[in-house]
PDB file of all heavy atoms in Angstrom:
ATOM      1  N   MET A   1     -17.616 -20.559 -13.608  1.00  0.00           N
ATOM      2  CA  MET A   1     -16.248 -21.144 -13.591  1.00  0.00           C
ATOM      3  C   MET A   1     -15.329 -20.468 -12.506  1.00  0.00           C
ATOM      4  O   MET A   1     -14.649 -21.168 -11.739  1.00  0.00           O
ATOM      5  CB  MET A   1     -15.565 -21.049 -14.988  1.00  0.00           C
ATOM      6  CG  MET A   1     -16.331 -21.676 -16.117  1.00  0.00           C
ATOM      7  SD  MET A   1     -16.210 -23.446 -16.016  1.00  0.00           S
ATOM      8  CE  MET A   1     -17.913 -23.746 -16.288  1.00  0.00           C
ATOM      9  N   PHE A   2     -15.428 -19.152 -12.510  1.00  0.00           N
ATOM     10  CA  PHE A   2     -14.532 -18.527 -11.584  1.00  0.00           C
ATOM     11  C   PHE A   2     -14.946 -18.766 -10.081  1.00  0.00           C
ATOM     12  O   PHE A   2     -14.167 -18.891  -9.176  1.00  0.00           O
ATOM     13  CB  PHE A   2     -14.566 -16.938 -11.713  1.00  0.00           C
ATOM     14  CG  PHE A   2     -13.813 -16.499 -13.011  1.00  0.00           C
ATOM     15  CD1 PHE A   2     -14.482 -15.901 -14.076  1.00  0.00           C
ATOM     16  CD2 PHE A   2     -12.412 -16.772 -13.095  1.00  0.00           C
ATOM     17  CE1 PHE A   2     -13.705 -15.479 -15.132  1.00  0.00           C
ATOM     18  CE2 PHE A   2     -11.739 -16.465 -14.280  1.00  0.00           C
ATOM     19  CZ  PHE A   2     -12.333 -15.723 -15.296  1.00  0.00           C
ATOM     20  N   ASN A   3     -16.381 -18.856  -9.939  1.00  0.00           N
ATOM     21  CA  ASN A   3     -16.848 -19.273  -8.544  1.00  0.00           C
ATOM     22  C   ASN A   3     -16.427 -20.608  -8.176  1.00  0.00           C
ATOM     23  O   ASN A   3     -16.197 -20.962  -6.964  1.00  0.00           O
ATOM     24  CB  ASN A   3     -18.379 -19.060  -8.586  1.00  0.00           C
ATOM     25  CG  ASN A   3     -18.755 -17.626  -8.430  1.00  0.00           C
ATOM     26  OD1 ASN A   3     -17.895 -16.699  -7.955  1.00  0.00           O
ATOM     27  ND2 ASN A   3     -19.941 -17.217  -9.000  1.00  0.00           N
ATOM     28  N   MET A   4     -16.384 -21.526  -9.168  1.00  0.00           N
ATOM     29  CA  MET A   4     -16.022 -22.977  -8.836  1.00  0.00           C
ATOM     30  C   MET A   4     -14.495 -22.932  -8.419  1.00  0.00           C
ATOM     31  O   MET A   4     -14.080 -23.678  -7.442  1.00  0.00           O
ATOM     32  CB  MET A   4     -16.143 -23.818 -10.083  1.00  0.00           C
ATOM     33  CG  MET A   4     -17.738 -24.125 -10.262  1.00  0.00           C
ATOM     34  SD  MET A   4     -17.953 -25.105 -11.671  1.00  0.00           S
ATOM     35  CE  MET A   4     -17.709 -26.732 -11.094  1.00  0.00           C
ATOM     36  N   PHE A   5     -13.685 -22.117  -9.065  1.00  0.00           N
ATOM     37  CA  PHE A   5     -12.290 -22.011  -8.613  1.00  0.00           C
ATOM     38  C   PHE A   5     -12.196 -21.452  -7.257  1.00  0.00           C
ATOM     39  O   PHE A   5     -11.457 -21.986  -6.365  1.00  0.00           O
ATOM     40  CB  PHE A   5     -11.522 -21.060  -9.570  1.00  0.00           C
ATOM     41  CG  PHE A   5     -10.791 -21.842 -10.614  1.00  0.00           C
ATOM     42  CD1 PHE A   5     -11.254 -21.731 -11.969  1.00  0.00           C
ATOM     43  CD2 PHE A   5      -9.730 -22.650 -10.446  1.00  0.00           C
ATOM     44  CE1 PHE A   5     -10.656 -22.515 -12.955  1.00  0.00           C
ATOM     45  CE2 PHE A   5      -9.113 -23.342 -11.448  1.00  0.00           C
ATOM     46  CZ  PHE A   5      -9.593 -23.266 -12.728  1.00  0.00           C
ATOM     47  N   LYS A   6     -13.082 -20.438  -6.894  1.00  0.00           N
ATOM     48  CA  LYS A   6     -13.012 -19.875  -5.625  1.00  0.00           C
ATOM     49  C   LYS A   6     -13.399 -20.902  -4.503  1.00  0.00           C
ATOM     50  O   LYS A   6     -12.790 -20.847  -3.446  1.00  0.00           O
ATOM     51  CB  LYS A   6     -13.918 -18.647  -5.457  1.00  0.00           C
ATOM     52  CG  LYS A   6     -13.436 -17.420  -6.314  1.00  0.00           C
ATOM     53  CD  LYS A   6     -14.438 -16.283  -6.333  1.00  0.00           C
ATOM     54  CE  LYS A   6     -13.993 -15.045  -7.132  1.00  0.00           C
ATOM     55  NZ  LYS A   6     -14.899 -13.984  -7.187  1.00  0.00           N
ATOM     56  N   ASN A   7     -14.238 -21.802  -4.877  1.00  0.00           N
ATOM     57  CA  ASN A   7     -14.570 -22.945  -4.041  1.00  0.00           C
ATOM     58  C   ASN A   7     -13.377 -23.711  -3.734  1.00  0.00           C
ATOM     59  O   ASN A   7     -13.310 -24.284  -2.510  1.00  0.00           O
ATOM     60  CB  ASN A   7     -15.734 -23.701  -4.721  1.00  0.00           C
ATOM     61  CG  ASN A   7     -16.354 -24.724  -3.711  1.00  0.00           C
ATOM     62  OD1 ASN A   7     -15.991 -24.877  -2.639  1.00  0.00           O
ATOM     63  ND2 ASN A   7     -17.282 -25.431  -4.343  1.00  0.00           N
ATOM     64  N   ILE A   8     -12.484 -23.915  -4.623  1.00  0.00           N
ATOM     65  CA  ILE A   8     -11.328 -24.861  -4.399  1.00  0.00           C
ATOM     66  C   ILE A   8     -10.432 -24.296  -3.329  1.00  0.00           C
ATOM     67  O   ILE A   8      -9.943 -25.140  -2.444  1.00  0.00           O
ATOM     68  CB  ILE A   8     -10.466 -24.920  -5.758  1.00  0.00           C
ATOM     69  CG1 ILE A   8     -11.303 -25.743  -6.827  1.00  0.00           C
ATOM     70  CG2 ILE A   8      -9.237 -25.633  -5.475  1.00  0.00           C
ATOM     71  CD1 ILE A   8     -10.629 -25.591  -8.175  1.00  0.00           C
ATOM     72  N   TRP A   9     -10.336 -23.061  -3.158  1.00  0.00           N
ATOM     73  CA  TRP A   9      -9.338 -22.495  -2.137  1.00  0.00           C
ATOM     74  C   TRP A   9     -10.100 -21.843  -0.961  1.00  0.00           C
ATOM     75  O   TRP A   9      -9.388 -21.143  -0.128  1.00  0.00           O
ATOM     76  CB  TRP A   9      -8.231 -21.527  -2.714  1.00  0.00           C
ATOM     77  CG  TRP A   9      -8.828 -20.539  -3.632  1.00  0.00           C
ATOM     78  CD1 TRP A   9      -9.499 -19.394  -3.310  1.00  0.00           C
ATOM     79  CD2 TRP A   9      -8.564 -20.421  -5.100  1.00  0.00           C
ATOM     80  NE1 TRP A   9      -9.765 -18.567  -4.500  1.00  0.00           N
ATOM     81  CE2 TRP A   9      -9.185 -19.234  -5.568  1.00  0.00           C
ATOM     82  CE3 TRP A   9      -7.947 -21.259  -5.999  1.00  0.00           C
ATOM     83  CZ2 TRP A   9      -9.226 -18.900  -6.976  1.00  0.00           C
ATOM     84  CZ3 TRP A   9      -7.963 -20.996  -7.341  1.00  0.00           C
ATOM     85  CH2 TRP A   9      -8.599 -19.791  -7.842  1.00  0.00           C
ATOM     86  N   SER A  10     -11.403 -22.008  -0.951  1.00  0.00           N
ATOM     87  CA  SER A  10     -12.184 -21.381   0.174  1.00  0.00           C
ATOM     88  C   SER A  10     -11.704 -21.913   1.554  1.00  0.00           C
ATOM     89  O   SER A  10     -11.564 -22.989   1.757  1.00  0.00           O
ATOM     90  CB  SER A  10     -13.673 -21.827   0.063  1.00  0.00           C
ATOM     91  OG  SER A  10     -14.356 -21.263   1.151  1.00  0.00           O
ATOM     92  N   ASN A  11     -11.297 -20.852   2.342  1.00  0.00           N
ATOM     93  CA  ASN A  11     -10.808 -21.118   3.704  1.00  0.00           C
ATOM     94  C   ASN A  11      -9.500 -22.001   3.677  1.00  0.00           C
ATOM     95  O   ASN A  11      -9.337 -22.617   4.730  1.00  0.00           O
ATOM     96  CB  ASN A  11     -11.828 -21.637   4.588  1.00  0.00           C
ATOM     97  CG  ASN A  11     -11.591 -21.260   6.088  1.00  0.00           C
ATOM     98  OD1 ASN A  11     -11.073 -20.287   6.348  1.00  0.00           O
ATOM     99  ND2 ASN A  11     -11.917 -22.233   6.932  1.00  0.00           N
ATOM    100  N   LYS A  12      -8.683 -21.935   2.686  1.00  0.00           N
ATOM    101  CA  LYS A  12      -7.441 -22.726   2.633  1.00  0.00           C
ATOM    102  C   LYS A  12      -6.206 -21.795   2.766  1.00  0.00           C
ATOM    103  O   LYS A  12      -6.216 -20.707   2.333  1.00  0.00           O
ATOM    104  CB  LYS A  12      -7.298 -23.523   1.298  1.00  0.00           C
ATOM    105  CG  LYS A  12      -8.359 -24.529   1.101  1.00  0.00           C
ATOM    106  CD  LYS A  12      -7.919 -25.901   1.432  1.00  0.00           C
ATOM    107  CE  LYS A  12      -8.980 -26.919   1.046  1.00  0.00           C
ATOM    108  NZ  LYS A  12      -9.041 -27.252  -0.292  1.00  0.00           N
ATOM    109  N   ASP A  13      -5.160 -22.347   3.385  1.00  0.00           N
ATOM    110  CA  ASP A  13      -3.879 -21.726   3.280  1.00  0.00           C
ATOM    111  C   ASP A  13      -3.322 -21.994   1.895  1.00  0.00           C
ATOM    112  O   ASP A  13      -3.214 -23.217   1.543  1.00  0.00           O
ATOM    113  CB  ASP A  13      -2.965 -22.189   4.361  1.00  0.00           C
ATOM    114  CG  ASP A  13      -3.438 -21.967   5.829  1.00  0.00           C
ATOM    115  OD1 ASP A  13      -3.754 -20.764   6.100  1.00  0.00           O
ATOM    116  OD2 ASP A  13      -3.528 -22.935   6.584  1.00  0.00           O
ATOM    117  N   ILE A  14      -2.955 -20.953   1.093  1.00  0.00           N
ATOM    118  CA  ILE A  14      -2.510 -21.272  -0.212  1.00  0.00           C
ATOM    119  C   ILE A  14      -1.074 -20.729  -0.429  1.00  0.00           C
ATOM    120  O   ILE A  14      -0.667 -19.674   0.307  1.00  0.00           O
ATOM    121  CB  ILE A  14      -3.361 -20.746  -1.325  1.00  0.00           C
ATOM    122  CG1 ILE A  14      -3.360 -19.208  -1.222  1.00  0.00           C
ATOM    123  CG2 ILE A  14      -4.766 -21.215  -1.219  1.00  0.00           C
ATOM    124  CD1 ILE A  14      -4.062 -18.547  -2.515  1.00  0.00           C
ATOM    125  N   LEU A  15      -0.233 -21.377  -1.203  1.00  0.00           N
ATOM    126  CA  LEU A  15       1.087 -20.892  -1.569  1.00  0.00           C
ATOM    127  C   LEU A  15       1.061 -20.763  -3.078  1.00  0.00           C
ATOM    128  O   LEU A  15       0.684 -21.752  -3.821  1.00  0.00           O
ATOM    129  CB  LEU A  15       2.184 -21.921  -1.150  1.00  0.00           C
ATOM    130  CG  LEU A  15       3.523 -21.685  -1.619  1.00  0.00           C
ATOM    131  CD1 LEU A  15       4.171 -20.465  -1.002  1.00  0.00           C
ATOM    132  CD2 LEU A  15       4.495 -22.839  -1.359  1.00  0.00           C
ATOM    133  N   ILE A  16       1.429 -19.613  -3.549  1.00  0.00           N
ATOM    134  CA  ILE A  16       1.419 -19.325  -4.928  1.00  0.00           C
ATOM    135  C   ILE A  16       2.883 -19.298  -5.416  1.00  0.00           C
ATOM    136  O   ILE A  16       3.790 -18.697  -4.865  1.00  0.00           O
ATOM    137  CB  ILE A  16       0.806 -17.884  -5.257  1.00  0.00           C
ATOM    138  CG1 ILE A  16      -0.626 -17.804  -4.765  1.00  0.00           C
ATOM    139  CG2 ILE A  16       0.868 -17.631  -6.814  1.00  0.00           C
ATOM    140  CD1 ILE A  16      -1.203 -16.455  -4.727  1.00  0.00           C
ATOM    141  N   ILE A  17       3.111 -20.108  -6.465  1.00  0.00           N
ATOM    142  CA  ILE A  17       4.422 -20.239  -7.008  1.00  0.00           C
ATOM    143  C   ILE A  17       4.219 -19.520  -8.498  1.00  0.00           C
ATOM    144  O   ILE A  17       3.411 -19.954  -9.311  1.00  0.00           O
ATOM    145  CB  ILE A  17       4.821 -21.747  -7.414  1.00  0.00           C
ATOM    146  CG1 ILE A  17       4.569 -22.609  -6.104  1.00  0.00           C
ATOM    147  CG2 ILE A  17       6.335 -21.830  -7.812  1.00  0.00           C
ATOM    148  CD1 ILE A  17       5.331 -22.121  -4.825  1.00  0.00           C
ATOM    149  N   GLU A  18       4.984 -18.427  -8.647  1.00  0.00           N
ATOM    150  CA  GLU A  18       4.743 -17.569  -9.861  1.00  0.00           C
ATOM    151  C   GLU A  18       5.897 -16.914 -10.375  1.00  0.00           C
ATOM    152  O   GLU A  18       6.933 -16.869  -9.650  1.00  0.00           O
ATOM    153  CB  GLU A  18       3.616 -16.582  -9.536  1.00  0.00           C
ATOM    154  CG  GLU A  18       3.918 -15.527  -8.406  1.00  0.00           C
ATOM    155  CD  GLU A  18       2.864 -14.633  -8.088  1.00  0.00           C
ATOM    156  OE1 GLU A  18       1.883 -14.640  -8.750  1.00  0.00           O
ATOM    157  OE2 GLU A  18       3.096 -13.859  -7.127  1.00  0.00           O
ATOM    158  N   GLY A  19       5.879 -16.404 -11.592  1.00  0.00           N
ATOM    159  CA  GLY A  19       6.857 -15.585 -12.137  1.00  0.00           C
ATOM    160  C   GLY A  19       6.936 -14.249 -11.299  1.00  0.00           C
ATOM    161  O   GLY A  19       6.026 -13.899 -10.713  1.00  0.00           O
ATOM    162  N   GLU A  20       8.033 -13.582 -11.433  1.00  0.00           N
ATOM    163  CA  GLU A  20       8.299 -12.402 -10.673  1.00  0.00           C
ATOM    164  C   GLU A  20       7.256 -11.287 -10.887  1.00  0.00           C
ATOM    165  O   GLU A  20       6.890 -10.629  -9.978  1.00  0.00           O
ATOM    166  CB  GLU A  20       9.659 -11.861 -10.955  1.00  0.00           C
ATOM    167  CG  GLU A  20      10.128 -10.651 -10.156  1.00  0.00           C
ATOM    168  CD  GLU A  20      11.490 -10.209 -10.436  1.00  0.00           C
ATOM    169  OE1 GLU A  20      12.155 -10.787 -11.298  1.00  0.00           O
ATOM    170  OE2 GLU A  20      11.932  -9.255  -9.810  1.00  0.00           O
ATOM    171  N   TYR A  21       6.673 -11.259 -12.101  1.00  0.00           N
ATOM    172  CA  TYR A  21       5.740 -10.188 -12.374  1.00  0.00           C
ATOM    173  C   TYR A  21       4.407 -10.709 -12.698  1.00  0.00           C
ATOM    174  O   TYR A  21       3.494 -10.047 -13.225  1.00  0.00           O
ATOM    175  CB  TYR A  21       6.208  -9.384 -13.649  1.00  0.00           C
ATOM    176  CG  TYR A  21       7.562  -8.817 -13.352  1.00  0.00           C
ATOM    177  CD1 TYR A  21       8.694  -9.228 -14.191  1.00  0.00           C
ATOM    178  CD2 TYR A  21       7.806  -7.800 -12.303  1.00  0.00           C
ATOM    179  CE1 TYR A  21       9.896  -8.655 -13.819  1.00  0.00           C
ATOM    180  CE2 TYR A  21       9.140  -7.272 -12.204  1.00  0.00           C
ATOM    181  CZ  TYR A  21      10.130  -7.752 -12.958  1.00  0.00           C
ATOM    182  OH  TYR A  21      11.378  -7.165 -12.765  1.00  0.00           O
ATOM    183  N   THR A  22       4.029 -11.936 -12.250  1.00  0.00           N
ATOM    184  CA  THR A  22       2.711 -12.499 -12.444  1.00  0.00           C
ATOM    185  C   THR A  22       1.722 -11.904 -11.566  1.00  0.00           C
ATOM    186  O   THR A  22       0.601 -11.468 -11.952  1.00  0.00           O
ATOM    187  CB  THR A  22       2.697 -14.049 -12.287  1.00  0.00           C
ATOM    188  OG1 THR A  22       3.723 -14.654 -13.177  1.00  0.00           O
ATOM    189  CG2 THR A  22       1.424 -14.629 -12.582  1.00  0.00           C
ATOM    190  N   ARG A  23       2.042 -11.829 -10.234  1.00  0.00           N
ATOM    191  CA  ARG A  23       1.220 -11.200  -9.225  1.00  0.00           C
ATOM    192  C   ARG A  23      -0.256 -11.729  -9.225  1.00  0.00           C
ATOM    193  O   ARG A  23      -1.275 -10.906  -9.255  1.00  0.00           O
ATOM    194  CB  ARG A  23       1.244  -9.701  -9.485  1.00  0.00           C
ATOM    195  CG  ARG A  23       2.651  -9.154  -9.201  1.00  0.00           C
ATOM    196  CD  ARG A  23       2.932  -7.796  -9.768  1.00  0.00           C
ATOM    197  NE  ARG A  23       4.302  -7.331  -9.391  1.00  0.00           N
ATOM    198  CZ  ARG A  23       4.896  -6.243  -9.958  1.00  0.00           C
ATOM    199  NH1 ARG A  23       4.233  -5.508 -10.864  1.00  0.00           N
ATOM    200  NH2 ARG A  23       6.146  -5.872  -9.573  1.00  0.00           N
ATOM    201  N   PHE A  24      -0.307 -13.024  -9.160  1.00  0.00           N
ATOM    202  CA  PHE A  24      -1.546 -13.763  -9.195  1.00  0.00           C
ATOM    203  C   PHE A  24      -2.513 -13.280  -8.115  1.00  0.00           C
ATOM    204  O   PHE A  24      -2.169 -13.364  -6.870  1.00  0.00           O
ATOM    205  CB  PHE A  24      -1.331 -15.179  -9.128  1.00  0.00           C
ATOM    206  CG  PHE A  24      -2.544 -16.107  -9.427  1.00  0.00           C
ATOM    207  CD1 PHE A  24      -2.764 -16.588 -10.662  1.00  0.00           C
ATOM    208  CD2 PHE A  24      -3.388 -16.380  -8.448  1.00  0.00           C
ATOM    209  CE1 PHE A  24      -3.915 -17.403 -10.935  1.00  0.00           C
ATOM    210  CE2 PHE A  24      -4.575 -17.161  -8.718  1.00  0.00           C
ATOM    211  CZ  PHE A  24      -4.796 -17.683  -9.923  1.00  0.00           C
ATOM    212  N   GLY A  25      -3.772 -12.832  -8.442  1.00  0.00           N
ATOM    213  CA  GLY A  25      -4.720 -12.505  -7.482  1.00  0.00           C
ATOM    214  C   GLY A  25      -4.504 -11.135  -6.904  1.00  0.00           C
ATOM    215  O   GLY A  25      -5.287 -10.742  -6.071  1.00  0.00           O
ATOM    216  N   PHE A  26      -3.410 -10.431  -7.225  1.00  0.00           N
ATOM    217  CA  PHE A  26      -3.120  -9.149  -6.687  1.00  0.00           C
ATOM    218  C   PHE A  26      -4.025  -8.103  -7.333  1.00  0.00           C
ATOM    219  O   PHE A  26      -4.210  -7.985  -8.526  1.00  0.00           O
ATOM    220  CB  PHE A  26      -1.735  -8.722  -6.828  1.00  0.00           C
ATOM    221  CG  PHE A  26      -1.382  -7.323  -6.346  1.00  0.00           C
ATOM    222  CD1 PHE A  26      -1.372  -7.019  -5.017  1.00  0.00           C
ATOM    223  CD2 PHE A  26      -1.190  -6.287  -7.327  1.00  0.00           C
ATOM    224  CE1 PHE A  26      -1.110  -5.688  -4.614  1.00  0.00           C
ATOM    225  CE2 PHE A  26      -0.937  -5.024  -6.836  1.00  0.00           C
ATOM    226  CZ  PHE A  26      -0.799  -4.701  -5.567  1.00  0.00           C
ATOM    227  N   GLY A  27      -4.704  -7.189  -6.567  1.00  0.00           N
ATOM    228  CA  GLY A  27      -5.487  -6.131  -7.073  1.00  0.00           C
ATOM    229  C   GLY A  27      -6.936  -6.521  -7.530  1.00  0.00           C
ATOM    230  O   GLY A  27      -7.656  -5.702  -8.135  1.00  0.00           O
ATOM    231  N   ASN A  28      -7.315  -7.736  -7.249  1.00  0.00           N
ATOM    232  CA  ASN A  28      -8.743  -8.126  -7.434  1.00  0.00           C
ATOM    233  C   ASN A  28      -9.220  -9.032  -6.274  1.00  0.00           C
ATOM    234  O   ASN A  28      -8.452  -9.273  -5.359  1.00  0.00           O
ATOM    235  CB  ASN A  28      -8.866  -8.803  -8.815  1.00  0.00           C
ATOM    236  CG  ASN A  28      -8.041 -10.103  -8.969  1.00  0.00           C
ATOM    237  OD1 ASN A  28      -7.948 -10.958  -8.112  1.00  0.00           O
ATOM    238  ND2 ASN A  28      -7.301 -10.111 -10.085  1.00  0.00           N
ATOM    239  N   ASP A  29     -10.346  -9.567  -6.416  1.00  0.00           N
ATOM    240  CA  ASP A  29     -10.972 -10.331  -5.178  1.00  0.00           C
ATOM    241  C   ASP A  29     -10.897 -11.861  -5.542  1.00  0.00           C
ATOM    242  O   ASP A  29     -11.562 -12.551  -4.726  1.00  0.00           O
ATOM    243  CB  ASP A  29     -12.426  -9.883  -4.943  1.00  0.00           C
ATOM    244  CG  ASP A  29     -13.273 -10.236  -6.138  1.00  0.00           C
ATOM    245  OD1 ASP A  29     -12.857 -10.653  -7.258  1.00  0.00           O
ATOM    246  OD2 ASP A  29     -14.552 -10.171  -5.872  1.00  0.00           O
ATOM    247  N   LEU A  30     -10.055 -12.267  -6.371  1.00  0.00           N
ATOM    248  CA  LEU A  30     -10.104 -13.731  -6.813  1.00  0.00           C
ATOM    249  C   LEU A  30      -9.737 -14.621  -5.628  1.00  0.00           C
ATOM    250  O   LEU A  30     -10.321 -15.711  -5.480  1.00  0.00           O
ATOM    251  CB  LEU A  30      -9.080 -13.962  -7.905  1.00  0.00           C
ATOM    252  CG  LEU A  30      -9.039 -15.362  -8.568  1.00  0.00           C
ATOM    253  CD1 LEU A  30     -10.406 -15.674  -9.157  1.00  0.00           C
ATOM    254  CD2 LEU A  30      -7.964 -15.435  -9.563  1.00  0.00           C
ATOM    255  N   LEU A  31      -8.849 -14.092  -4.598  1.00  0.00           N
ATOM    256  CA  LEU A  31      -8.316 -15.009  -3.626  1.00  0.00           C
ATOM    257  C   LEU A  31      -8.925 -14.420  -2.323  1.00  0.00           C
ATOM    258  O   LEU A  31      -8.304 -14.902  -1.234  1.00  0.00           O
ATOM    259  CB  LEU A  31      -6.880 -14.990  -3.555  1.00  0.00           C
ATOM    260  CG  LEU A  31      -6.167 -15.417  -4.786  1.00  0.00           C
ATOM    261  CD1 LEU A  31      -4.607 -15.255  -4.751  1.00  0.00           C
ATOM    262  CD2 LEU A  31      -6.500 -16.918  -5.045  1.00  0.00           C
ATOM    263  N   ASP A  32      -9.950 -13.592  -2.269  1.00  0.00           N
ATOM    264  CA  ASP A  32     -10.351 -13.001  -1.068  1.00  0.00           C
ATOM    265  C   ASP A  32     -10.912 -13.999  -0.061  1.00  0.00           C
ATOM    266  O   ASP A  32     -10.964 -13.681   1.213  1.00  0.00           O
ATOM    267  CB  ASP A  32     -11.471 -11.986  -1.364  1.00  0.00           C
ATOM    268  CG  ASP A  32     -10.859 -10.583  -1.704  1.00  0.00           C
ATOM    269  OD1 ASP A  32      -9.672 -10.513  -1.873  1.00  0.00           O
ATOM    270  OD2 ASP A  32     -11.629  -9.595  -1.840  1.00  0.00           O
ATOM    271  N   ASN A  33     -11.383 -15.166  -0.475  1.00  0.00           N
ATOM    272  CA  ASN A  33     -11.990 -16.197   0.373  1.00  0.00           C
ATOM    273  C   ASN A  33     -11.033 -17.227   0.980  1.00  0.00           C
ATOM    274  O   ASN A  33     -11.375 -18.072   1.776  1.00  0.00           O
ATOM    275  CB  ASN A  33     -13.150 -16.827  -0.097  1.00  0.00           C
ATOM    276  CG  ASN A  33     -12.723 -17.686  -1.383  1.00  0.00           C
ATOM    277  OD1 ASN A  33     -11.755 -17.466  -2.003  1.00  0.00           O
ATOM    278  ND2 ASN A  33     -13.499 -18.675  -1.597  1.00  0.00           N
ATOM    279  N   CYS A  34      -9.741 -17.071   0.631  1.00  0.00           N
ATOM    280  CA  CYS A  34      -8.765 -18.102   1.079  1.00  0.00           C
ATOM    281  C   CYS A  34      -8.395 -17.620   2.541  1.00  0.00           C
ATOM    282  O   CYS A  34      -8.573 -16.507   2.981  1.00  0.00           O
ATOM    283  CB  CYS A  34      -7.576 -18.297   0.231  1.00  0.00           C
ATOM    284  SG  CYS A  34      -6.526 -16.848   0.158  1.00  0.00           S
ATOM    285  N   LYS A  35      -7.778 -18.521   3.401  1.00  0.00           N
ATOM    286  CA  LYS A  35      -7.340 -18.280   4.693  1.00  0.00           C
ATOM    287  C   LYS A  35      -6.095 -17.480   4.749  1.00  0.00           C
ATOM    288  O   LYS A  35      -6.060 -16.580   5.576  1.00  0.00           O
ATOM    289  CB  LYS A  35      -7.221 -19.626   5.398  1.00  0.00           C
ATOM    290  CG  LYS A  35      -7.072 -19.590   6.867  1.00  0.00           C
ATOM    291  CD  LYS A  35      -7.039 -20.967   7.546  1.00  0.00           C
ATOM    292  CE  LYS A  35      -6.804 -21.027   8.911  1.00  0.00           C
ATOM    293  NZ  LYS A  35      -6.727 -22.412   9.473  1.00  0.00           N
ATOM    294  N   SER A  36      -5.130 -17.854   3.987  1.00  0.00           N
ATOM    295  CA  SER A  36      -3.866 -17.127   4.010  1.00  0.00           C
ATOM    296  C   SER A  36      -3.187 -17.295   2.722  1.00  0.00           C
ATOM    297  O   SER A  36      -3.445 -18.249   1.864  1.00  0.00           O
ATOM    298  CB  SER A  36      -2.929 -17.531   5.136  1.00  0.00           C
ATOM    299  OG  SER A  36      -2.464 -18.924   4.907  1.00  0.00           O
ATOM    300  N   ILE A  37      -2.293 -16.235   2.347  1.00  0.00           N
ATOM    301  CA  ILE A  37      -1.494 -16.429   1.073  1.00  0.00           C
ATOM    302  C   ILE A  37      -0.032 -16.202   1.330  1.00  0.00           C
ATOM    303  O   ILE A  37       0.423 -15.294   2.092  1.00  0.00           O
ATOM    304  CB  ILE A  37      -1.937 -15.278   0.198  1.00  0.00           C
ATOM    305  CG1 ILE A  37      -3.399 -15.356  -0.191  1.00  0.00           C
ATOM    306  CG2 ILE A  37      -1.119 -15.287  -1.207  1.00  0.00           C
ATOM    307  CD1 ILE A  37      -3.971 -14.134  -0.920  1.00  0.00           C
ATOM    308  N   LYS A  38       0.738 -17.105   0.834  1.00  0.00           N
ATOM    309  CA  LYS A  38       2.156 -17.023   0.730  1.00  0.00           C
ATOM    310  C   LYS A  38       2.544 -17.079  -0.724  1.00  0.00           C
ATOM    311  O   LYS A  38       1.878 -17.652  -1.525  1.00  0.00           O
ATOM    312  CB  LYS A  38       2.904 -18.089   1.453  1.00  0.00           C
ATOM    313  CG  LYS A  38       2.649 -18.089   3.037  1.00  0.00           C
ATOM    314  CD  LYS A  38       3.403 -19.257   3.705  1.00  0.00           C
ATOM    315  CE  LYS A  38       3.165 -19.268   5.125  1.00  0.00           C
ATOM    316  NZ  LYS A  38       3.767 -20.526   5.791  1.00  0.00           N
ATOM    317  N   ARG A  39       3.657 -16.451  -1.068  1.00  0.00           N
ATOM    318  CA  ARG A  39       4.213 -16.528  -2.446  1.00  0.00           C
ATOM    319  C   ARG A  39       5.732 -16.902  -2.564  1.00  0.00           C
ATOM    320  O   ARG A  39       6.456 -16.348  -1.685  1.00  0.00           O
ATOM    321  CB  ARG A  39       3.987 -15.059  -3.140  1.00  0.00           C
ATOM    322  CG  ARG A  39       2.588 -14.632  -3.218  1.00  0.00           C
ATOM    323  CD  ARG A  39       2.526 -13.255  -3.820  1.00  0.00           C
ATOM    324  NE  ARG A  39       1.144 -12.728  -3.682  1.00  0.00           N
ATOM    325  CZ  ARG A  39       0.251 -12.788  -4.551  1.00  0.00           C
ATOM    326  NH1 ARG A  39       0.519 -13.423  -5.752  1.00  0.00           N
ATOM    327  NH2 ARG A  39      -0.991 -12.304  -4.416  1.00  0.00           N
ATOM    328  N   ILE A  40       6.027 -17.672  -3.559  1.00  0.00           N
ATOM    329  CA  ILE A  40       7.402 -17.786  -3.929  1.00  0.00           C
ATOM    330  C   ILE A  40       7.585 -17.317  -5.310  1.00  0.00           C
ATOM    331  O   ILE A  40       6.881 -17.697  -6.227  1.00  0.00           O
ATOM    332  CB  ILE A  40       7.796 -19.298  -3.891  1.00  0.00           C
ATOM    333  CG1 ILE A  40       7.802 -19.877  -2.413  1.00  0.00           C
ATOM    334  CG2 ILE A  40       9.163 -19.474  -4.504  1.00  0.00           C
ATOM    335  CD1 ILE A  40       8.119 -21.325  -2.300  1.00  0.00           C
ATOM    336  N   LEU A  41       8.450 -16.264  -5.464  1.00  0.00           N
ATOM    337  CA  LEU A  41       8.598 -15.567  -6.843  1.00  0.00           C
ATOM    338  C   LEU A  41       9.765 -16.331  -7.523  1.00  0.00           C
ATOM    339  O   LEU A  41      10.894 -16.497  -6.906  1.00  0.00           O
ATOM    340  CB  LEU A  41       8.966 -14.223  -6.590  1.00  0.00           C
ATOM    341  CG  LEU A  41       7.905 -13.220  -5.876  1.00  0.00           C
ATOM    342  CD1 LEU A  41       8.218 -11.750  -6.079  1.00  0.00           C
ATOM    343  CD2 LEU A  41       6.496 -13.556  -6.319  1.00  0.00           C
TER     344      LEU A  41
END
């Protein structure tokens, strides 16, 4: 399941909309295969 999710954002520019302390994908490799990451807190 996690690998299928990684397929969704493979080589994509992504924008994460999250709560101030969510920190989605920070400190692990979940988003390592995307092209770029921006965040709106």
